[in-house]
Amino acid sequence: VQLQASGGGLVQAGGSLRLSCAASGRTFSSTALGWFRQAPGKEREFVAAVRWSGGSTYYADSVKGRFTISRDNAKNTVYLQMLSLKPEDTAVYYCALDSGAPPYASDSYYSRMNTYDYWGKGTQVTVSS
């Protein structure tokens, strides 16, 4: 499995960016794709996730109402539309893929780092004030 993230860059506060993550390889057992981010000196944190089937979405409180995650199953690609960006959104953004959710997985399954087995290399997002 390979994940290729793209779309990062430098933007002013209040601006927008759209990240993409293309998944390839043996992805047929995957249930969901998530986005995480890591700012300098901080731990990696959950941002958003989407289920391939049904399209259910999950968001961190810090990005609700500003970020939208979506997927294109035909292209095995997930997008993260980021609006009203703030300097505190500055981080390296990583996409990650799970290997299949257990039956009756709770919502918290999608926000845990250890849910995801495959990780992309990350794309830098810098928001200037």
N, C-alpha and C. Protein backbone atom coordinates (compact mmCIF):
# COMPACT_ATOMS: atom_id res chain seq x y z
N VAL A 1 0.85 -1.19 0.00
CA VAL A 1 0.00 0.00 0.00
C VAL A 1 0.88 1.24 0.00
N GLN A 2 0.52 2.18 -0.85
CA GLN A 2 1.26 3.43 -0.89
C GLN A 2 0.28 4.59 -0.81
N LEU A 3 0.68 5.63 -0.09
CA LEU A 3 -0.14 6.82 0.05
C LEU A 3 0.67 8.03 -0.39
N GLN A 4 0.08 8.81 -1.26
CA GLN A 4 0.76 9.99 -1.77
C GLN A 4 -0.06 11.22 -1.44
N ALA A 5 0.46 12.04 -0.52
CA ALA A 5 -0.23 13.26 -0.14
C ALA A 5 0.33 14.43 -0.94
N SER A 6 -0.55 15.37 -1.26
CA SER A 6 -0.13 16.56 -2.00
C SER A 6 -1.07 17.71 -1.68
N GLY A 7 -0.67 18.91 -2.10
CA GLY A 7 -1.54 20.07 -1.97
C GLY A 7 -1.14 21.05 -0.89
N GLY A 8 -0.11 20.73 -0.11
CA GLY A 8 0.32 21.66 0.92
C GLY A 8 0.94 22.92 0.33
N GLY A 9 1.20 23.89 1.19
CA GLY A 9 1.82 25.11 0.73
C GLY A 9 1.77 26.19 1.79
N LEU A 10 2.08 27.41 1.35
CA LEU A 10 2.07 28.57 2.23
C LEU A 10 0.85 29.42 1.90
N VAL A 11 0.10 29.79 2.92
CA VAL A 11 -1.11 30.58 2.72
C VAL A 11 -1.25 31.55 3.87
N GLN A 12 -1.90 32.67 3.61
CA GLN A 12 -2.15 33.63 4.68
C GLN A 12 -3.33 33.19 5.53
N ALA A 13 -3.35 33.68 6.75
CA ALA A 13 -4.48 33.39 7.65
C ALA A 13 -5.78 33.79 6.97
N GLY A 14 -6.78 32.94 7.10
CA GLY A 14 -8.05 33.17 6.44
C GLY A 14 -8.16 32.55 5.08
N GLY A 15 -7.04 32.08 4.57
CA GLY A 15 -7.02 31.46 3.25
C GLY A 15 -7.44 30.01 3.28
N SER A 16 -7.30 29.35 2.12
CA SER A 16 -7.73 27.97 2.01
C SER A 16 -6.71 27.15 1.22
N LEU A 17 -6.75 25.86 1.47
CA LEU A 17 -5.95 24.88 0.74
C LEU A 17 -6.75 23.60 0.62
N ARG A 18 -6.45 22.81 -0.39
CA ARG A 18 -7.05 21.49 -0.50
C ARG A 18 -5.94 20.46 -0.61
N LEU A 19 -5.93 19.54 0.33
CA LEU A 19 -4.98 18.44 0.31
C LEU A 19 -5.62 17.24 -0.36
N SER A 20 -4.77 16.45 -1.02
CA SER A 20 -5.22 15.21 -1.64
C SER A 20 -4.35 14.08 -1.12
N CYS A 21 -4.95 12.90 -1.04
CA CYS A 21 -4.19 11.70 -0.69
C CYS A 21 -4.66 10.57 -1.59
N ALA A 22 -3.76 10.10 -2.42
CA ALA A 22 -4.07 9.01 -3.35
C ALA A 22 -3.51 7.71 -2.79
N ALA A 23 -4.37 6.72 -2.68
CA ALA A 23 -3.97 5.41 -2.17
C ALA A 23 -3.83 4.43 -3.33
N SER A 24 -2.80 3.60 -3.26
CA SER A 24 -2.59 2.59 -4.30
C SER A 24 -2.10 1.31 -3.65
N GLY A 25 -2.19 0.22 -4.41
CA GLY A 25 -1.77 -1.07 -3.89
C GLY A 25 -2.97 -1.84 -3.34
N ARG A 26 -2.72 -2.72 -2.41
CA ARG A 26 -3.75 -3.60 -1.88
C ARG A 26 -4.58 -2.88 -0.81
N THR A 27 -5.51 -2.07 -1.28
CA THR A 27 -6.31 -1.24 -0.37
C THR A 27 -7.71 -1.78 -0.17
N PHE A 28 -8.04 -2.96 -0.75
CA PHE A 28 -9.42 -3.42 -0.78
C PHE A 28 -9.99 -3.70 0.61
N SER A 29 -9.15 -3.99 1.59
CA SER A 29 -9.67 -4.30 2.93
C SER A 29 -9.82 -3.06 3.80
N SER A 30 -9.35 -1.92 3.30
CA SER A 30 -9.38 -0.71 4.12
C SER A 30 -10.81 -0.23 4.36
N THR A 31 -11.03 0.26 5.56
CA THR A 31 -12.33 0.83 5.92
C THR A 31 -12.33 2.35 5.81
N ALA A 32 -11.19 2.96 6.15
CA ALA A 32 -11.19 4.41 6.26
C ALA A 32 -9.81 4.99 5.97
N LEU A 33 -9.82 6.27 5.64
CA LEU A 33 -8.58 7.03 5.49
C LEU A 33 -8.67 8.24 6.40
N GLY A 34 -7.60 8.49 7.12
CA GLY A 34 -7.58 9.62 8.04
C GLY A 34 -6.47 10.61 7.73
N TRP A 35 -6.68 11.83 8.18
CA TRP A 35 -5.65 12.86 8.12
C TRP A 35 -5.22 13.19 9.56
N PHE A 36 -3.93 13.27 9.75
CA PHE A 36 -3.35 13.69 11.01
C PHE A 36 -2.38 14.84 10.72
N ARG A 37 -1.98 15.55 11.75
CA ARG A 37 -1.00 16.62 11.55
C ARG A 37 -0.06 16.69 12.75
N GLN A 38 1.13 17.19 12.47
CA GLN A 38 2.12 17.33 13.53
C GLN A 38 2.83 18.67 13.38
N ALA A 39 2.65 19.51 14.38
CA ALA A 39 3.32 20.81 14.42
C ALA A 39 4.67 20.65 15.10
N PRO A 40 5.60 21.55 14.83
CA PRO A 40 6.91 21.46 15.46
C PRO A 40 6.82 21.41 16.98
N GLY A 41 7.49 20.44 17.56
CA GLY A 41 7.51 20.32 19.01
C GLY A 41 6.26 19.75 19.63
N LYS A 42 5.33 19.32 18.80
CA LYS A 42 4.07 18.78 19.32
C LYS A 42 3.86 17.36 18.84
N GLU A 43 2.94 16.67 19.50
CA GLU A 43 2.61 15.31 19.11
C GLU A 43 1.69 15.33 17.89
N ARG A 44 1.74 14.25 17.16
CA ARG A 44 0.84 14.12 16.01
C ARG A 44 -0.59 14.02 16.53
N GLU A 45 -1.52 14.70 15.85
CA GLU A 45 -2.90 14.70 16.30
C GLU A 45 -3.85 14.43 15.13
N PHE A 46 -4.99 13.90 15.50
CA PHE A 46 -6.04 13.58 14.53
C PHE A 46 -6.66 14.85 13.99
N VAL A 47 -6.98 14.84 12.69
CA VAL A 47 -7.66 15.96 12.06
C VAL A 47 -9.04 15.56 11.56
N ALA A 48 -9.08 14.54 10.71
CA ALA A 48 -10.35 14.12 10.12
C ALA A 48 -10.19 12.72 9.53
N ALA A 49 -11.31 12.04 9.35
CA ALA A 49 -11.30 10.72 8.72
C ALA A 49 -12.61 10.51 7.97
N VAL A 50 -12.55 9.61 6.99
CA VAL A 50 -13.75 9.30 6.21
C VAL A 50 -13.77 7.81 5.92
N ARG A 51 -14.94 7.22 5.98
CA ARG A 51 -15.13 5.82 5.62
C ARG A 51 -15.29 5.72 4.11
N TRP A 52 -14.67 4.70 3.52
CA TRP A 52 -14.80 4.51 2.08
C TRP A 52 -16.24 4.17 1.73
N SER A 53 -16.85 3.31 2.54
CA SER A 53 -18.22 2.88 2.28
C SER A 53 -19.18 3.73 3.08
N GLY A 54 -20.06 4.40 2.42
CA GLY A 54 -21.04 5.23 3.11
C GLY A 54 -20.61 6.66 3.30
N GLY A 55 -19.30 6.89 3.38
CA GLY A 55 -18.80 8.26 3.47
C GLY A 55 -18.93 8.95 4.81
N SER A 56 -19.17 8.18 5.89
CA SER A 56 -19.24 8.82 7.20
C SER A 56 -17.94 9.57 7.48
N THR A 57 -18.07 10.73 8.11
CA THR A 57 -16.90 11.57 8.38
C THR A 57 -16.74 11.83 9.88
N TYR A 58 -15.51 12.10 10.26
CA TYR A 58 -15.16 12.33 11.66
C TYR A 58 -14.16 13.48 11.69
N TYR A 59 -14.32 14.37 12.65
CA TYR A 59 -13.47 15.55 12.72
C TYR A 59 -13.00 15.83 14.13
N ALA A 60 -11.81 16.39 14.23
CA ALA A 60 -11.36 16.94 15.50
C ALA A 60 -12.14 18.23 15.77
N ASP A 61 -12.37 18.51 17.02
CA ASP A 61 -13.14 19.72 17.37
C ASP A 61 -12.48 20.99 16.83
N SER A 62 -11.17 20.98 16.77
CA SER A 62 -10.42 22.18 16.37
C SER A 62 -10.63 22.55 14.90
N VAL A 63 -11.13 21.61 14.09
CA VAL A 63 -11.28 21.90 12.66
C VAL A 63 -12.74 21.82 12.20
N LYS A 64 -13.64 21.43 13.07
CA LYS A 64 -15.06 21.33 12.69
C LYS A 64 -15.57 22.67 12.19
N GLY A 65 -16.27 22.62 11.09
CA GLY A 65 -16.82 23.85 10.52
C GLY A 65 -15.87 24.56 9.58
N ARG A 66 -14.59 24.17 9.59
CA ARG A 66 -13.60 24.80 8.70
C ARG A 66 -13.05 23.81 7.69
N PHE A 67 -12.88 22.57 8.08
CA PHE A 67 -12.30 21.55 7.20
C PHE A 67 -13.40 20.59 6.76
N THR A 68 -13.28 20.11 5.54
CA THR A 68 -14.21 19.12 5.02
C THR A 68 -13.42 17.99 4.36
N ILE A 69 -13.69 16.77 4.79
CA ILE A 69 -13.04 15.61 4.19
C ILE A 69 -14.03 14.93 3.25
N SER A 70 -13.53 14.48 2.12
CA SER A 70 -14.39 13.79 1.16
C SER A 70 -13.55 12.74 0.45
N ARG A 71 -14.27 11.82 -0.25
CA ARG A 71 -13.51 10.77 -0.93
C ARG A 71 -14.07 10.53 -2.31
N ASP A 72 -13.20 10.05 -3.19
CA ASP A 72 -13.57 9.62 -4.53
C ASP A 72 -13.15 8.16 -4.62
N ASN A 73 -14.11 7.26 -4.43
CA ASN A 73 -13.78 5.83 -4.38
C ASN A 73 -13.20 5.34 -5.71
N ALA A 74 -13.68 5.89 -6.80
CA ALA A 74 -13.20 5.44 -8.11
C ALA A 74 -11.71 5.74 -8.29
N LYS A 75 -11.26 6.81 -7.65
CA LYS A 75 -9.87 7.21 -7.76
C LYS A 75 -9.04 6.82 -6.54
N ASN A 76 -9.68 6.18 -5.57
CA ASN A 76 -8.98 5.83 -4.32
C ASN A 76 -8.29 7.06 -3.73
N THR A 77 -8.99 8.16 -3.75
CA THR A 77 -8.40 9.43 -3.32
C THR A 77 -9.31 10.11 -2.30
N VAL A 78 -8.68 10.68 -1.31
CA VAL A 78 -9.40 11.44 -0.29
C VAL A 78 -8.89 12.88 -0.32
N TYR A 79 -9.81 13.81 -0.11
CA TYR A 79 -9.48 15.23 -0.13
C TYR A 79 -9.76 15.85 1.24
N LEU A 80 -8.97 16.83 1.57
CA LEU A 80 -9.21 17.60 2.78
C LEU A 80 -9.25 19.08 2.38
N GLN A 81 -10.46 19.62 2.32
CA GLN A 81 -10.63 21.03 2.00
C GLN A 81 -10.52 21.83 3.29
N MET A 82 -9.58 22.76 3.31
CA MET A 82 -9.33 23.53 4.54
C MET A 82 -9.63 25.00 4.27
N LEU A 83 -10.60 25.52 5.00
CA LEU A 83 -11.00 26.93 4.87
C LEU A 83 -10.67 27.68 6.15
N SER A 84 -10.67 29.00 6.05
CA SER A 84 -10.45 29.86 7.22
C SER A 84 -9.24 29.40 8.02
N LEU A 85 -8.16 29.18 7.32
CA LEU A 85 -6.96 28.65 7.97
C LEU A 85 -6.40 29.64 8.99
N LYS A 86 -5.85 29.06 10.04
CA LYS A 86 -5.27 29.85 11.14
C LYS A 86 -3.79 29.49 11.29
N PRO A 87 -2.99 30.38 11.86
CA PRO A 87 -1.58 30.05 12.06
C PRO A 87 -1.39 28.76 12.85
N GLU A 88 -2.30 28.46 13.74
CA GLU A 88 -2.18 27.22 14.53
C GLU A 88 -2.49 25.97 13.72
N ASP A 89 -2.92 26.11 12.48
CA ASP A 89 -3.08 24.97 11.59
C ASP A 89 -1.76 24.58 10.92
N THR A 90 -0.74 25.38 11.13
CA THR A 90 0.57 25.08 10.54
C THR A 90 1.11 23.76 11.09
N ALA A 91 1.44 22.86 10.17
CA ALA A 91 1.90 21.52 10.55
C ALA A 91 2.25 20.75 9.29
N VAL A 92 2.86 19.60 9.50
CA VAL A 92 2.97 18.62 8.43
C VAL A 92 1.73 17.74 8.53
N TYR A 93 1.03 17.60 7.42
CA TYR A 93 -0.20 16.83 7.37
C TYR A 93 0.08 15.46 6.75
N TYR A 94 -0.36 14.42 7.44
CA TYR A 94 -0.15 13.05 7.00
C TYR A 94 -1.50 12.39 6.73
N CYS A 95 -1.56 11.61 5.67
CA CYS A 95 -2.73 10.76 5.48
C CYS A 95 -2.35 9.33 5.85
N ALA A 96 -3.35 8.59 6.27
CA ALA A 96 -3.11 7.24 6.77
C ALA A 96 -4.30 6.35 6.45
N LEU A 97 -4.01 5.07 6.26
CA LEU A 97 -5.02 4.10 5.85
C LEU A 97 -5.07 2.96 6.86
N ASP A 98 -6.29 2.52 7.17
CA ASP A 98 -6.39 1.37 8.08
C ASP A 98 -6.46 0.09 7.26
N SER A 99 -6.47 -1.05 7.96
CA SER A 99 -6.54 -2.35 7.29
C SER A 99 -7.90 -2.99 7.41
N GLY A 100 -8.86 -2.24 7.95
CA GLY A 100 -10.20 -2.79 8.10
C GLY A 100 -10.68 -2.66 9.52
N ALA A 101 -11.82 -2.03 9.71
CA ALA A 101 -12.37 -1.82 11.05
C ALA A 101 -12.98 -3.11 11.59
N PRO A 102 -12.90 -3.32 12.88
CA PRO A 102 -13.59 -4.46 13.48
C PRO A 102 -15.10 -4.23 13.42
N PRO A 103 -15.87 -5.28 13.58
CA PRO A 103 -17.34 -5.09 13.60
C PRO A 103 -17.75 -4.14 14.71
N TYR A 104 -18.68 -3.27 14.43
CA TYR A 104 -19.23 -2.35 15.42
C TYR A 104 -18.16 -1.44 16.00
N ALA A 105 -17.24 -1.01 15.14
CA ALA A 105 -16.21 -0.08 15.62
C ALA A 105 -16.86 1.22 16.07
N SER A 106 -16.39 1.74 17.19
CA SER A 106 -16.93 3.00 17.69
C SER A 106 -16.33 4.18 16.91
N ASP A 107 -16.91 5.33 17.10
CA ASP A 107 -16.41 6.51 16.40
C ASP A 107 -14.95 6.80 16.76
N SER A 108 -14.57 6.47 17.98
CA SER A 108 -13.21 6.76 18.41
C SER A 108 -12.17 5.96 17.64
N TYR A 109 -12.61 4.86 17.03
CA TYR A 109 -11.69 4.03 16.21
C TYR A 109 -11.01 4.89 15.16
N TYR A 110 -11.74 5.82 14.56
CA TYR A 110 -11.24 6.57 13.42
C TYR A 110 -10.28 7.68 13.80
N SER A 111 -10.23 8.05 15.05
CA SER A 111 -9.36 9.15 15.48
C SER A 111 -8.09 8.67 16.17
N ARG A 112 -7.96 7.37 16.34
CA ARG A 112 -6.77 6.84 17.03
C ARG A 112 -5.65 6.59 16.04
N MET A 113 -4.46 7.00 16.39
CA MET A 113 -3.31 6.78 15.50
C MET A 113 -3.05 5.30 15.27
N ASN A 114 -3.21 4.49 16.30
CA ASN A 114 -2.88 3.07 16.14
C ASN A 114 -3.92 2.31 15.33
N THR A 115 -4.97 2.98 14.90
CA THR A 115 -5.92 2.37 13.97
C THR A 115 -5.32 2.18 12.59
N TYR A 116 -4.39 3.05 12.25
CA TYR A 116 -3.90 3.15 10.88
C TYR A 116 -2.57 2.43 10.72
N ASP A 117 -2.50 1.61 9.67
CA ASP A 117 -1.32 0.78 9.43
C ASP A 117 -0.39 1.35 8.38
N TYR A 118 -0.91 2.20 7.53
CA TYR A 118 -0.12 2.72 6.42
C TYR A 118 -0.17 4.25 6.47
N TRP A 119 1.01 4.85 6.29
CA TRP A 119 1.13 6.30 6.39
C TRP A 119 1.85 6.88 5.18
N GLY A 120 1.38 8.03 4.74
CA GLY A 120 2.06 8.76 3.69
C GLY A 120 3.20 9.57 4.27
N LYS A 121 3.95 10.23 3.41
CA LYS A 121 5.12 10.97 3.85
C LYS A 121 4.82 12.35 4.40
N GLY A 122 3.65 12.86 4.16
CA GLY A 122 3.30 14.16 4.72
C GLY A 122 3.49 15.30 3.75
N THR A 123 2.70 16.33 3.95
CA THR A 123 2.80 17.55 3.15
C THR A 123 2.72 18.75 4.09
N GLN A 124 3.59 19.71 3.87
CA GLN A 124 3.70 20.85 4.78
C GLN A 124 2.62 21.89 4.48
N VAL A 125 1.95 22.32 5.54
CA VAL A 125 1.00 23.42 5.44
C VAL A 125 1.49 24.52 6.38
N THR A 126 1.71 25.70 5.83
CA THR A 126 2.17 26.83 6.62
C THR A 126 1.19 27.98 6.46
N VAL A 127 0.67 28.46 7.59
CA VAL A 127 -0.29 29.56 7.57
C VAL A 127 0.36 30.76 8.25
N SER A 128 0.53 31.82 7.49
CA SER A 128 1.17 33.02 8.04
C SER A 128 0.13 33.98 8.60
N SER A 129 0.52 34.70 9.63
CA SER A 129 -0.42 35.63 10.28
C SER A 129 -0.36 37.00 9.63
